[in-house]
Amino acid sequence: MDKPNKGYDYKRYRDLLADATDESKRIAFIDLLIKEGARDQLTRERISQLGLTTARPVERSRGEE
């Protein structure tokens, strides 16, 4: 647990959190975290249903939102 999961862009999340200076921006940040987490879970489920395995987490493009 010492090393961060390479599938997550912690710097990007830190920057977004730092920019969330009001309630609407904080809510948008939380929505983004939920959306990206749900997408990751769906990808894992699809891989599992296909009987495939991955050695590492699915990587996302940095520009994807």
N, C-alpha and C. Protein backbone atom coordinates (compact mmCIF):
# COMPACT_ATOMS: atom_id res chain seq x y z
N MET A 1 0.80 -1.20 0.00
CA MET A 1 0.00 0.00 0.00
C MET A 1 0.84 1.26 0.00
N ASP A 2 2.12 1.12 0.12
CA ASP A 2 3.00 2.28 0.13
C ASP A 2 3.02 3.00 -1.20
N LYS A 3 2.89 2.25 -2.30
CA LYS A 3 2.96 2.85 -3.63
C LYS A 3 1.56 3.13 -4.14
N PRO A 4 1.34 4.32 -4.72
CA PRO A 4 0.02 4.63 -5.25
C PRO A 4 -0.31 3.75 -6.45
N ASN A 5 -1.59 3.48 -6.64
CA ASN A 5 -2.07 2.71 -7.79
C ASN A 5 -1.78 3.52 -9.06
N LYS A 6 -1.10 2.91 -10.02
CA LYS A 6 -0.72 3.63 -11.23
C LYS A 6 -1.91 3.98 -12.11
N GLY A 7 -3.09 3.41 -11.84
CA GLY A 7 -4.28 3.72 -12.63
C GLY A 7 -4.89 5.06 -12.28
N TYR A 8 -4.46 5.66 -11.20
CA TYR A 8 -5.01 6.94 -10.76
C TYR A 8 -3.97 8.04 -10.89
N ASP A 9 -4.41 9.19 -11.33
CA ASP A 9 -3.54 10.34 -11.51
C ASP A 9 -3.68 11.23 -10.27
N TYR A 10 -2.92 10.90 -9.23
CA TYR A 10 -3.04 11.61 -7.96
C TYR A 10 -2.74 13.10 -8.09
N LYS A 11 -1.78 13.47 -8.93
CA LYS A 11 -1.46 14.89 -9.11
C LYS A 11 -2.68 15.63 -9.68
N ARG A 12 -3.31 15.01 -10.66
CA ARG A 12 -4.50 15.62 -11.27
C ARG A 12 -5.60 15.80 -10.21
N TYR A 13 -5.85 14.77 -9.41
CA TYR A 13 -6.88 14.88 -8.37
C TYR A 13 -6.51 15.93 -7.32
N ARG A 14 -5.25 16.00 -6.95
CA ARG A 14 -4.81 17.03 -5.99
C ARG A 14 -5.04 18.42 -6.55
N ASP A 15 -4.70 18.60 -7.83
CA ASP A 15 -4.90 19.91 -8.48
C ASP A 15 -6.38 20.27 -8.56
N LEU A 16 -7.22 19.29 -8.92
CA LEU A 16 -8.65 19.54 -8.99
C LEU A 16 -9.22 19.88 -7.62
N LEU A 17 -8.75 19.18 -6.59
CA LEU A 17 -9.21 19.47 -5.24
C LEU A 17 -8.77 20.87 -4.80
N ALA A 18 -7.55 21.25 -5.14
CA ALA A 18 -7.06 22.58 -4.79
C ALA A 18 -7.89 23.67 -5.48
N ASP A 19 -8.38 23.39 -6.70
CA ASP A 19 -9.19 24.35 -7.44
C ASP A 19 -10.64 24.40 -6.96
N ALA A 20 -11.06 23.42 -6.18
CA ALA A 20 -12.44 23.35 -5.71
C ALA A 20 -12.64 24.29 -4.53
N THR A 21 -12.72 25.57 -4.85
CA THR A 21 -12.75 26.61 -3.81
C THR A 21 -14.16 26.98 -3.36
N ASP A 22 -15.18 26.50 -4.06
CA ASP A 22 -16.54 26.75 -3.61
C ASP A 22 -17.36 25.46 -3.70
N GLU A 23 -18.57 25.51 -3.20
CA GLU A 23 -19.38 24.30 -3.10
C GLU A 23 -19.66 23.66 -4.45
N SER A 24 -19.96 24.46 -5.46
CA SER A 24 -20.28 23.89 -6.78
C SER A 24 -19.06 23.17 -7.38
N LYS A 25 -17.88 23.72 -7.19
CA LYS A 25 -16.66 23.07 -7.69
C LYS A 25 -16.35 21.80 -6.90
N ARG A 26 -16.61 21.81 -5.59
CA ARG A 26 -16.39 20.61 -4.78
C ARG A 26 -17.36 19.50 -5.20
N ILE A 27 -18.60 19.86 -5.46
CA ILE A 27 -19.59 18.87 -5.90
C ILE A 27 -19.20 18.31 -7.26
N ALA A 28 -18.74 19.16 -8.17
CA ALA A 28 -18.29 18.70 -9.48
C ALA A 28 -17.10 17.74 -9.34
N PHE A 29 -16.18 18.03 -8.42
CA PHE A 29 -15.03 17.17 -8.17
C PHE A 29 -15.50 15.81 -7.64
N ILE A 30 -16.42 15.81 -6.70
CA ILE A 30 -16.95 14.56 -6.16
C ILE A 30 -17.65 13.76 -7.25
N ASP A 31 -18.44 14.43 -8.08
CA ASP A 31 -19.11 13.75 -9.19
C ASP A 31 -18.09 13.11 -10.14
N LEU A 32 -17.01 13.81 -10.42
CA LEU A 32 -15.97 13.27 -11.28
C LEU A 32 -15.35 12.02 -10.67
N LEU A 33 -15.05 12.05 -9.38
CA LEU A 33 -14.48 10.88 -8.70
C LEU A 33 -15.43 9.69 -8.78
N ILE A 34 -16.71 9.95 -8.56
CA ILE A 34 -17.71 8.88 -8.61
C ILE A 34 -17.80 8.32 -10.03
N LYS A 35 -17.87 9.21 -11.01
CA LYS A 35 -17.99 8.78 -12.41
C LYS A 35 -16.78 7.94 -12.82
N GLU A 36 -15.59 8.39 -12.50
CA GLU A 36 -14.39 7.66 -12.89
C GLU A 36 -14.28 6.34 -12.13
N GLY A 37 -14.69 6.32 -10.86
CA GLY A 37 -14.68 5.08 -10.10
C GLY A 37 -15.66 4.07 -10.66
N ALA A 38 -16.84 4.54 -11.04
CA ALA A 38 -17.86 3.67 -11.62
C ALA A 38 -17.39 3.11 -12.95
N ARG A 39 -16.74 3.94 -13.76
CA ARG A 39 -16.23 3.48 -15.05
C ARG A 39 -15.16 2.41 -14.85
N ASP A 40 -14.28 2.61 -13.88
CA ASP A 40 -13.25 1.62 -13.58
C ASP A 40 -13.87 0.30 -13.13
N GLN A 41 -14.89 0.37 -12.28
CA GLN A 41 -15.55 -0.84 -11.79
C GLN A 41 -16.24 -1.56 -12.94
N LEU A 42 -16.90 -0.84 -13.83
CA LEU A 42 -17.57 -1.44 -14.98
C LEU A 42 -16.55 -2.14 -15.88
N THR A 43 -15.40 -1.52 -16.08
CA THR A 43 -14.35 -2.13 -16.89
C THR A 43 -13.88 -3.44 -16.26
N ARG A 44 -13.67 -3.43 -14.93
CA ARG A 44 -13.25 -4.66 -14.24
C ARG A 44 -14.30 -5.75 -14.38
N GLU A 45 -15.59 -5.38 -14.27
CA GLU A 45 -16.66 -6.37 -14.41
C GLU A 45 -16.71 -6.94 -15.81
N ARG A 46 -16.54 -6.09 -16.82
CA ARG A 46 -16.56 -6.57 -18.21
C ARG A 46 -15.40 -7.53 -18.46
N ILE A 47 -14.23 -7.20 -17.95
CA ILE A 47 -13.06 -8.06 -18.11
C ILE A 47 -13.32 -9.40 -17.44
N SER A 48 -13.90 -9.37 -16.25
CA SER A 48 -14.21 -10.59 -15.51
C SER A 48 -15.22 -11.44 -16.28
N GLN A 49 -16.26 -10.81 -16.82
CA GLN A 49 -17.30 -11.54 -17.56
C GLN A 49 -16.73 -12.20 -18.81
N LEU A 50 -15.73 -11.58 -19.40
CA LEU A 50 -15.10 -12.15 -20.60
C LEU A 50 -14.08 -13.23 -20.25
N GLY A 51 -13.82 -13.38 -18.96
CA GLY A 51 -12.86 -14.39 -18.54
C GLY A 51 -11.42 -13.95 -18.75
N LEU A 52 -11.22 -12.66 -18.88
CA LEU A 52 -9.88 -12.13 -19.09
C LEU A 52 -9.31 -11.65 -17.77
N THR A 53 -8.02 -11.54 -17.69
CA THR A 53 -7.38 -10.97 -16.52
C THR A 53 -6.37 -9.95 -16.99
N THR A 54 -6.04 -9.01 -16.11
CA THR A 54 -5.02 -8.02 -16.43
C THR A 54 -3.97 -8.06 -15.34
N ALA A 55 -2.75 -7.81 -15.71
CA ALA A 55 -1.65 -7.79 -14.75
C ALA A 55 -1.56 -6.44 -14.06
N ARG A 56 -2.17 -5.42 -14.68
CA ARG A 56 -2.11 -4.07 -14.11
C ARG A 56 -3.43 -3.36 -14.34
N PRO A 57 -3.70 -2.31 -13.58
CA PRO A 57 -4.96 -1.58 -13.74
C PRO A 57 -5.08 -0.96 -15.12
N VAL A 58 -6.30 -0.73 -15.53
CA VAL A 58 -6.57 -0.09 -16.81
C VAL A 58 -6.13 1.37 -16.72
N GLU A 59 -5.35 1.81 -17.70
CA GLU A 59 -4.87 3.19 -17.73
C GLU A 59 -5.86 4.06 -18.49
N ARG A 60 -6.05 5.28 -18.01
CA ARG A 60 -6.91 6.25 -18.67
C ARG A 60 -6.04 7.31 -19.32
N SER A 61 -6.56 7.88 -20.40
CA SER A 61 -5.90 9.03 -21.00
C SER A 61 -6.04 10.21 -20.08
N ARG A 62 -5.04 11.08 -20.01
CA ARG A 62 -5.10 12.24 -19.11
C ARG A 62 -6.16 13.23 -19.53
N GLY A 63 -6.48 13.32 -20.81
CA GLY A 63 -7.46 14.29 -21.27
C GLY A 63 -8.89 13.82 -21.14
N GLU A 64 -9.11 12.57 -20.72
CA GLU A 64 -10.43 12.00 -20.61
C GLU A 64 -11.18 12.53 -19.40
N GLU A 65 -12.41 12.96 -19.57
CA GLU A 65 -13.23 13.41 -18.43
C GLU A 65 -14.65 13.11 -18.70
